[in-house]
Protein backbone atom coordinates (compact mmCIF):
# COMPACT_ATOMS: atom_id res chain seq x y z
CA MET A 1 -38.31 -14.28 130.49
CA SER A 2 -36.52 -16.21 133.18
CA LYS A 3 -35.67 -14.85 136.58
CA ILE A 4 -34.69 -15.63 140.08
CA SER A 5 -37.32 -17.12 142.36
CA MET A 6 -38.34 -14.15 143.39
CA PRO A 7 -39.94 -14.09 139.82
CA GLY A 8 -39.42 -13.52 141.33
CA ARG A 9 -37.96 -12.61 142.91
CA ARG A 10 -35.76 -12.28 146.09
CA THR A 11 -34.48 -8.95 147.41
CA ALA A 12 -32.90 -7.42 150.48
CA ALA A 13 -35.86 -5.28 151.49
CA VAL A 14 -37.34 -7.70 154.01
CA LEU A 15 -35.20 -9.78 156.36
CA ALA A 16 -36.28 -12.57 158.66
CA THR A 17 -33.89 -13.50 161.44
CA LEU A 18 -33.80 -17.22 162.00
CA THR A 19 -32.01 -19.49 164.41
CA VAL A 20 -30.88 -22.65 162.70
CA ALA A 21 -28.75 -25.27 164.46
CA GLY A 22 -28.05 -22.75 167.20
CA ALA A 23 -26.67 -20.07 164.88
CA ALA A 24 -28.40 -16.77 164.14
CA LEU A 25 -28.77 -16.12 160.46
CA ALA A 26 -30.37 -13.22 158.62
CA VAL A 27 -32.00 -14.54 155.50
CA GLN A 28 -34.39 -13.01 153.08
CA ALA A 29 -38.01 -14.02 153.05
CA GLY A 30 -40.94 -13.37 150.83
CA ALA A 31 -39.67 -14.40 147.40
CA THR A 32 -41.67 -16.22 144.81
CA ALA A 33 -41.08 -17.58 141.39
CA GLY A 34 -44.53 -18.84 140.74
CA ALA A 35 -46.10 -15.61 139.61
CA ALA A 36 -45.30 -16.19 135.96
CA THR A 37 -48.28 -17.53 134.06
CA THR A 38 -46.66 -19.36 131.17
CA GLY A 39 -48.14 -22.59 129.87
CA GLY A 40 -51.33 -24.38 130.81
CA PRO A 41 -54.87 -23.70 129.59
CA ARG A 42 -56.29 -20.22 130.08
CA PRO A 43 -59.93 -19.29 130.50
CA ALA A 44 -61.61 -16.92 128.09
CA SER A 45 -60.78 -13.34 129.00
CA THR A 46 -63.48 -11.72 131.11
CA GLY A 47 -61.78 -8.41 131.74
CA PRO A 48 -58.43 -6.74 132.30
CA PRO A 49 -55.67 -8.53 134.20
CA VAL A 50 -55.79 -8.18 137.97
CA ALA A 51 -52.71 -7.62 140.12
CA TYR A 52 -52.79 -9.25 143.56
CA VAL A 53 -50.62 -7.56 146.18
CA VAL A 54 -49.55 -9.25 149.42
CA ASN A 55 -49.64 -6.83 152.37
CA ASN A 56 -47.42 -8.25 155.08
CA THR A 57 -48.46 -6.34 158.20
CA PRO A 58 -52.28 -6.44 158.01
CA GLY A 59 -52.26 -9.95 156.56
CA THR A 60 -54.24 -9.11 153.45
CA VAL A 61 -54.12 -9.33 149.66
CA THR A 62 -55.27 -6.32 147.64
CA PRO A 63 -56.57 -6.87 144.09
CA ILE A 64 -55.82 -4.06 141.61
CA ASN A 65 -57.71 -3.60 138.34
CA THR A 66 -54.87 -2.96 135.87
CA ALA A 67 -57.17 -1.10 133.44
CA THR A 68 -58.06 1.55 136.01
CA ASN A 69 -55.32 1.00 138.63
CA LYS A 70 -58.03 1.06 141.28
CA PRO A 71 -57.54 -1.20 144.32
CA GLY A 72 -60.38 -3.48 145.37
CA LYS A 73 -61.43 -4.69 148.78
CA PRO A 74 -58.53 -6.34 150.66
CA ILE A 75 -58.82 -10.10 151.13
CA SER A 76 -57.94 -11.31 154.62
CA VAL A 77 -55.55 -14.28 154.53
CA GLY A 78 -53.94 -14.39 157.97
CA PRO A 79 -50.81 -13.10 159.70
CA ASP A 80 -47.45 -12.53 158.01
CA PRO A 81 -48.08 -13.39 154.35
CA VAL A 82 -44.86 -13.21 152.32
CA ALA A 83 -45.36 -14.77 148.88
CA ILE A 84 -47.98 -15.28 146.20
CA ALA A 85 -48.29 -17.31 143.01
CA ILE A 86 -51.20 -17.66 140.57
CA THR A 87 -52.09 -20.74 138.53
CA PRO A 88 -51.57 -20.38 134.76
CA ASN A 89 -55.33 -20.40 134.14
CA GLY A 90 -55.72 -17.53 136.62
CA ALA A 91 -58.27 -19.38 138.74
CA THR A 92 -56.40 -19.60 142.05
CA ALA A 93 -53.83 -17.51 143.87
CA TYR A 94 -51.76 -19.21 146.58
CA VAL A 95 -50.40 -17.14 149.47
CA ALA A 96 -47.70 -18.34 151.89
CA LEU A 97 -48.09 -17.42 155.57
CA LYS A 98 -44.56 -17.41 156.95
CA ARG A 99 -45.23 -17.99 160.64
CA SER A 100 -48.42 -20.04 160.33
CA ARG A 101 -46.84 -22.90 158.37
CA ALA A 102 -49.67 -22.59 155.90
CA VAL A 103 -50.69 -21.62 152.39
CA VAL A 104 -54.05 -19.95 151.69
CA PRO A 105 -55.78 -20.42 148.31
CA ILE A 106 -57.77 -17.48 146.92
CA ASN A 107 -60.57 -18.02 144.42
CA THR A 108 -59.88 -15.19 141.97
CA ALA A 109 -63.42 -15.31 140.53
CA THR A 110 -64.89 -14.34 143.90
CA ASN A 111 -61.77 -12.96 145.66
CA THR A 112 -62.45 -15.13 148.67
CA ALA A 113 -59.88 -17.02 150.72
CA GLY A 114 -60.25 -20.77 151.16
CA LYS A 115 -59.19 -23.16 153.87
CA ARG A 116 -55.57 -23.08 154.96
CA ILE A 117 -53.27 -25.80 153.63
CA LEU A 118 -50.72 -26.86 156.23
CA VAL A 119 -47.15 -27.07 154.94
CA GLY A 120 -43.69 -26.99 156.56
CA GLN A 121 -42.10 -24.48 158.87
CA LEU A 122 -41.40 -21.01 157.45
CA PRO A 123 -42.77 -21.22 153.91
CA THR A 124 -41.13 -18.43 151.91
CA THR A 125 -41.44 -19.28 148.22
CA ILE A 126 -44.15 -20.70 145.93
CA LEU A 127 -43.71 -22.02 142.40
CA ILE A 128 -46.43 -23.45 140.17
CA THR A 129 -45.81 -25.86 137.31
CA PRO A 130 -46.61 -24.58 133.79
CA ASN A 131 -49.53 -27.03 133.52
CA GLY A 132 -50.94 -25.63 136.76
CA ALA A 133 -51.24 -29.08 138.37
CA THR A 134 -48.88 -28.59 141.31
CA ALA A 135 -47.83 -25.75 143.58
CA TYR A 136 -44.46 -26.22 145.26
CA VAL A 137 -43.83 -24.50 148.58
CA ILE A 138 -40.29 -24.04 149.88
CA ASN A 139 -40.17 -24.47 153.68
CA GLN A 140 -37.02 -22.84 154.98
CA ILE A 141 -36.74 -24.10 158.55
CA SER A 142 -38.16 -27.55 157.80
CA SER A 143 -35.72 -27.91 154.87
CA THR A 144 -38.50 -29.44 152.79
CA VAL A 145 -40.66 -28.77 149.76
CA SER A 146 -44.43 -29.29 150.01
CA ALA A 147 -46.17 -30.35 146.80
CA ILE A 148 -49.81 -29.19 146.65
CA ASN A 149 -52.25 -30.74 144.19
CA THR A 150 -54.08 -27.65 142.90
CA ALA A 151 -57.17 -29.68 141.97
CA THR A 152 -57.71 -30.81 145.56
CA ASN A 153 -55.62 -28.28 147.53
CA LYS A 154 -54.04 -31.19 149.38
CA VAL A 155 -50.36 -31.74 150.10
CA VAL A 156 -49.46 -34.86 148.15
CA ALA A 157 -45.75 -35.01 149.00
CA THR A 158 -43.22 -33.56 151.41
CA ILE A 159 -39.78 -33.68 149.83
CA PRO A 160 -36.59 -33.27 151.93
CA VAL A 161 -33.90 -31.02 150.46
CA GLY A 162 -30.74 -29.32 151.75
CA ASP A 163 -30.41 -27.15 154.85
CA SER A 164 -32.39 -23.88 154.83
CA PRO A 165 -33.70 -23.73 151.25
CA ASP A 166 -34.99 -20.36 150.12
CA VAL A 167 -34.66 -19.97 146.36
CA ALA A 168 -35.77 -22.33 143.63
CA ALA A 169 -36.50 -22.44 139.90
CA LEU A 170 -38.55 -24.61 137.56
CA THR A 171 -37.46 -25.70 134.11
CA PRO A 172 -39.73 -24.24 131.39
CA ASP A 173 -41.23 -27.67 130.70
CA GLY A 174 -42.05 -28.03 134.38
CA LYS A 175 -40.33 -31.40 134.66
CA THR A 176 -37.67 -30.41 137.20
CA LEU A 177 -37.61 -28.10 140.19
CA TYR A 178 -34.17 -26.96 141.38
CA VAL A 179 -33.94 -25.99 145.07
CA ALA A 180 -30.87 -24.25 146.52
CA ALA A 181 -29.86 -24.88 150.14
CA PHE A 182 -28.33 -21.83 151.81
CA LEU A 183 -26.73 -23.47 154.85
CA GLY A 184 -24.72 -26.56 155.71
CA ASN A 185 -23.21 -28.44 152.81
CA SER A 186 -24.55 -26.10 150.17
CA THR A 187 -26.37 -27.94 147.41
CA VAL A 188 -28.88 -27.57 144.62
CA THR A 189 -31.41 -30.43 144.69
CA PRO A 190 -33.26 -31.41 141.51
CA ILE A 191 -36.82 -32.64 142.11
CA ASN A 192 -38.66 -34.74 139.54
CA THR A 193 -42.11 -33.16 139.40
CA ALA A 194 -43.72 -36.23 137.86
CA THR A 195 -42.80 -38.41 140.86
CA ASN A 196 -42.17 -35.68 143.48
CA THR A 197 -38.87 -37.29 144.38
CA ALA A 198 -35.53 -35.62 144.96
CA GLY A 199 -32.56 -36.53 142.81
CA THR A 200 -28.92 -36.52 143.83
CA PRO A 201 -28.03 -33.14 145.37
CA ILE A 202 -25.51 -31.16 143.34
CA PRO A 203 -22.70 -29.75 145.55
CA VAL A 204 -22.20 -26.04 144.92
CA PRO A 205 -20.09 -23.27 146.50
CA ARG A 206 -21.00 -21.78 149.85
CA GLN A 207 -24.38 -20.13 150.42
CA PRO A 208 -26.17 -20.02 147.05
CA PHE A 209 -28.33 -16.92 146.92
CA GLY A 210 -30.09 -16.70 143.56
CA ILE A 211 -31.14 -19.15 140.87
CA ALA A 212 -32.62 -19.02 137.36
CA VAL A 213 -33.10 -21.43 134.44
CA THR A 214 -32.59 -20.41 130.82
CA PRO A 215 -35.83 -20.33 128.79
CA ASN A 216 -34.40 -23.03 126.49
CA GLY A 217 -34.21 -25.30 129.54
CA ARG A 218 -30.53 -26.14 129.15
CA THR A 219 -28.78 -24.37 132.02
CA VAL A 220 -29.37 -23.41 135.63
CA TYR A 221 -27.45 -20.36 136.87
CA VAL A 222 -26.74 -19.89 140.59
CA SER A 223 -25.32 -16.78 142.31
CA TYR A 224 -23.34 -16.59 145.57
CA PHE A 225 -23.43 -13.19 147.21
CA LYS A 226 -20.40 -13.73 149.48
CA LEU A 227 -18.23 -15.20 146.74
CA ASP A 228 -18.96 -12.79 143.86
CA ILE A 229 -19.47 -15.61 141.40
CA VAL A 230 -22.15 -17.37 139.35
CA THR A 231 -22.01 -21.05 138.43
CA PRO A 232 -23.79 -22.81 135.56
CA ILE A 233 -25.34 -26.26 136.01
CA SER A 234 -26.14 -28.43 132.99
CA VAL A 235 -29.76 -29.59 133.10
CA ALA A 236 -28.90 -32.58 130.91
CA THR A 237 -26.01 -33.88 133.04
CA GLY A 238 -26.44 -32.23 136.44
CA LYS A 239 -22.80 -31.20 136.30
CA LEU A 240 -21.51 -27.96 137.78
CA GLY A 241 -19.64 -25.79 135.31
CA LYS A 242 -16.73 -23.39 135.73
CA GLN A 243 -17.21 -20.45 138.07
CA ILE A 244 -18.02 -17.13 136.38
CA PRO A 245 -16.66 -14.05 138.20
CA VAL A 246 -19.23 -11.26 138.47
CA GLY A 247 -19.55 -8.03 140.47
CA LYS A 248 -19.52 -7.61 144.21
CA THR A 249 -22.38 -9.17 146.17
CA PRO A 250 -24.51 -10.65 143.37
CA PHE A 251 -28.19 -10.98 144.22
CA ALA A 252 -30.70 -11.63 141.48
CA ILE A 253 -30.40 -13.21 138.02
CA ALA A 254 -32.57 -12.57 134.95
CA ILE A 255 -32.25 -14.20 131.54
CA THR A 256 -33.43 -12.91 128.15
CA PRO A 257 -36.20 -14.85 126.37
CA ASP A 258 -33.74 -16.04 123.71
CA SER A 259 -31.52 -17.52 126.48
CA ALA A 260 -28.52 -15.64 125.08
CA THR A 261 -27.78 -13.35 128.01
CA ALA A 262 -28.00 -13.52 131.79
CA TYR A 263 -27.98 -10.33 133.83
CA VAL A 264 -26.80 -10.38 137.46
CA ALA A 265 -27.61 -7.59 139.92
CA ASN A 266 -24.49 -6.83 141.99
CA THR A 267 -25.75 -4.97 145.02
CA GLY A 268 -22.26 -4.27 146.34
CA GLY A 269 -20.90 -3.15 142.99
CA ASN A 270 -23.74 -0.93 141.76
CA THR A 271 -23.67 -2.78 138.45
CA LEU A 272 -25.29 -5.45 136.34
CA SER A 273 -22.94 -8.19 135.14
CA VAL A 274 -23.63 -9.42 131.63
CA ILE A 275 -23.07 -13.17 131.05
CA HIS A 276 -22.99 -14.51 127.50
CA THR A 277 -24.52 -17.93 128.00
CA ALA A 278 -23.00 -19.53 124.89
CA SER A 279 -19.49 -19.10 126.31
CA ASN A 280 -20.26 -18.38 129.97
CA THR A 281 -18.06 -15.31 129.79
CA THR A 282 -18.88 -11.80 130.97
CA GLY A 283 -19.11 -8.58 129.02
CA THR A 284 -18.72 -5.00 130.19
CA PRO A 285 -20.59 -4.36 133.47
CA ILE A 286 -23.45 -1.86 133.31
CA LYS A 287 -23.68 0.91 135.92
CA VAL A 288 -27.26 1.15 137.15
CA GLY A 289 -27.23 3.09 140.43
CA LYS A 290 -26.72 2.24 144.04
CA GLU A 291 -27.31 -1.23 145.44
CA PRO A 292 -29.25 -3.00 142.68
CA GLN A 293 -31.22 -5.72 144.45
CA ASP A 294 -33.36 -7.17 141.73
CA VAL A 295 -33.29 -7.47 137.96
CA VAL A 296 -35.95 -8.56 135.46
CA VAL A 297 -36.25 -8.65 131.68
CA SER A 298 -39.33 -7.23 129.99
CA PRO A 299 -41.61 -9.76 128.27
CA SER A 300 -40.49 -8.41 124.89
CA GLY A 301 -36.86 -9.05 125.80
CA SER A 302 -35.85 -5.53 124.76
CA THR A 303 -35.27 -3.99 128.18
CA VAL A 304 -33.71 -5.03 131.47
CA TYR A 305 -35.02 -3.35 134.61
CA ALA A 306 -32.98 -3.09 137.81
CA ILE A 307 -34.41 -2.04 141.17
CA THR A 308 -31.90 0.23 142.86
CA GLY A 309 -31.78 1.78 146.29
CA PRO A 310 -31.68 3.37 148.77
CA ALA A 311 -33.53 6.02 146.74
CA SER A 312 -35.84 3.30 145.38
CA ALA A 313 -35.85 3.58 141.62
CA VAL A 314 -36.17 1.29 138.63
CA THR A 315 -33.41 1.73 136.06
CA PRO A 316 -34.14 0.61 132.48
CA VAL A 317 -31.28 -0.83 130.41
CA SER A 318 -31.45 -1.41 126.66
CA VAL A 319 -30.57 -5.00 125.79
CA ALA A 320 -29.46 -3.91 122.33
CA THR A 321 -27.03 -1.20 123.46
CA GLY A 322 -26.28 -2.10 127.07
CA ARG A 323 -26.93 1.49 128.08
CA ALA A 324 -28.81 2.50 131.21
CA GLY A 325 -31.62 5.01 130.88
CA THR A 326 -33.04 7.54 133.31
CA PRO A 327 -34.07 5.93 136.61
CA ILE A 328 -37.83 5.76 137.23
CA LYS A 329 -38.59 6.99 140.74
CA MET A 330 -40.54 4.65 143.00
CA GLY A 331 -41.79 4.72 146.59
CA ASN A 332 -39.51 3.75 149.47
CA GLY A 333 -38.71 0.07 149.68
CA ALA A 334 -39.30 -0.90 146.05
CA ASP A 335 -39.17 -4.67 146.19
CA ARG A 336 -39.88 -6.42 142.87
CA ILE A 337 -41.38 -5.99 139.39
CA VAL A 338 -44.13 -7.84 137.53
CA PHE A 339 -45.58 -7.09 134.11
CA THR A 340 -49.04 -7.28 132.59
CA PRO A 341 -49.35 -10.11 130.03
CA ASN A 342 -49.08 -7.63 127.16
CA GLY A 343 -45.87 -6.24 128.67
CA LYS A 344 -47.06 -2.65 128.49
CA THR A 345 -47.10 -1.95 132.23
CA GLY A 346 -44.87 -2.91 135.11
CA TYR A 347 -45.99 -2.89 138.74
CA VAL A 348 -43.64 -2.36 141.68
CA PRO A 349 -44.69 -2.90 145.31
CA CYS A 350 -42.94 -0.47 147.67
CA PHE A 351 -42.69 -2.04 151.11
CA ALA A 352 -41.96 1.04 153.22
CA ALA A 353 -44.34 3.34 151.33
CA GLY A 354 -47.33 1.00 151.42
CA THR A 355 -47.93 1.57 147.72
CA VAL A 356 -47.70 -0.09 144.33
CA VAL A 357 -46.31 2.06 141.52
CA PRO A 358 -47.23 1.30 137.88
CA PHE A 359 -44.91 2.35 135.07
CA SER A 360 -45.16 2.39 131.28
CA THR A 361 -42.61 0.22 129.50
CA ALA A 362 -43.05 2.31 126.34
CA SER A 363 -42.07 5.62 127.93
CA ASN A 364 -40.40 4.32 131.12
CA THR A 365 -42.39 6.79 133.21
CA ALA A 366 -44.14 6.13 136.50
CA GLY A 367 -47.88 6.47 137.01
CA THR A 368 -49.72 7.47 140.16
CA ALA A 369 -48.85 5.39 143.21
CA ILE A 370 -51.65 3.05 144.31
CA LYS A 371 -52.25 2.90 148.04
CA VAL A 372 -52.53 -0.65 149.38
CA GLY A 373 -51.94 -2.18 152.82
CA ARG A 374 -48.86 -1.80 154.97
CA GLY A 375 -45.77 -3.67 153.90
CA PRO A 376 -46.59 -4.79 150.36
CA ILE A 377 -44.06 -7.59 149.91
CA ASP A 378 -45.06 -9.55 146.84
CA ILE A 379 -47.25 -9.26 143.76
CA ALA A 380 -48.59 -11.51 141.00
CA ILE A 381 -50.85 -10.79 138.04
CA LYS A 382 -53.86 -12.84 137.01
CA PRO A 383 -54.22 -12.92 133.21
């Protein structure tokens, strides 16, 4: 599964108002693409996977036992946490503190927070390489990327990128990080993760909003919510391809595990656009409900799930038929979806409700809402 850095993912539920170069701009904060735990060595299983939920207002992280769906004792991390990512071996969770210019590591064996790691101004996104060696932190106001060595928890490089970066995506092999700059001369900057150096920025249309890389590592797809288009970028050449028209106000992008299809959530069009990646042409749009803000593909690749609002539901769509199923009701402010490693259960934090709602991917029915802290904004699952 490949998805927007949001994996995850980035949505409209939480807005941070910034002033950049004297202009007020409302941009979304709290996305992460580092929650996926593909690649890298894993420890022997010692129990069920644990979901870690970032609670924005109290500044805590709540662990949830996915076997019982019981929340554990909240872990204090500091004010205004917005994003979380877990190393592929499950040993450490990294939490970005938006206003503290810091990242806090959590030892998942003891559920204790470590010493803060200072990064740039307004960290909003964390991505971790598949080998688990480096955590990359996107600093929106500083227009930089901080590279953290996960063995030492030290920042080993600060990499300048374009103006006001917010979304980013790693290639499946972990060799290149693509960072989209929202403001100024809009660009996507490739970063060589072996050397932590930025390559030549790729000029793109105005205000890139979402980004995802195909699982085969060949193509980067970028959405532009004001332009109603998606553009492909060749990983091999760094060249920008022909614009692909999609629905109104495209937000998130998700790609099937076989790399054959990209789904784009069009929040202004109440649809998912279907892009056939072999030809970069679109198929028939899929109606999914009002204002779809996020889209993910199940680990099996059989189902696409779209978060829709304002009623806050998750709508399942069959990849085989392209048909939308019955929406699964969530709490207010449903914000993103993550899955257990076996793909049997999805978890959805609901920002306004202060809950996390589990749902069965077999029956597409919701379980009992799990009460966590106020403002749950991000979630990642330890294998």
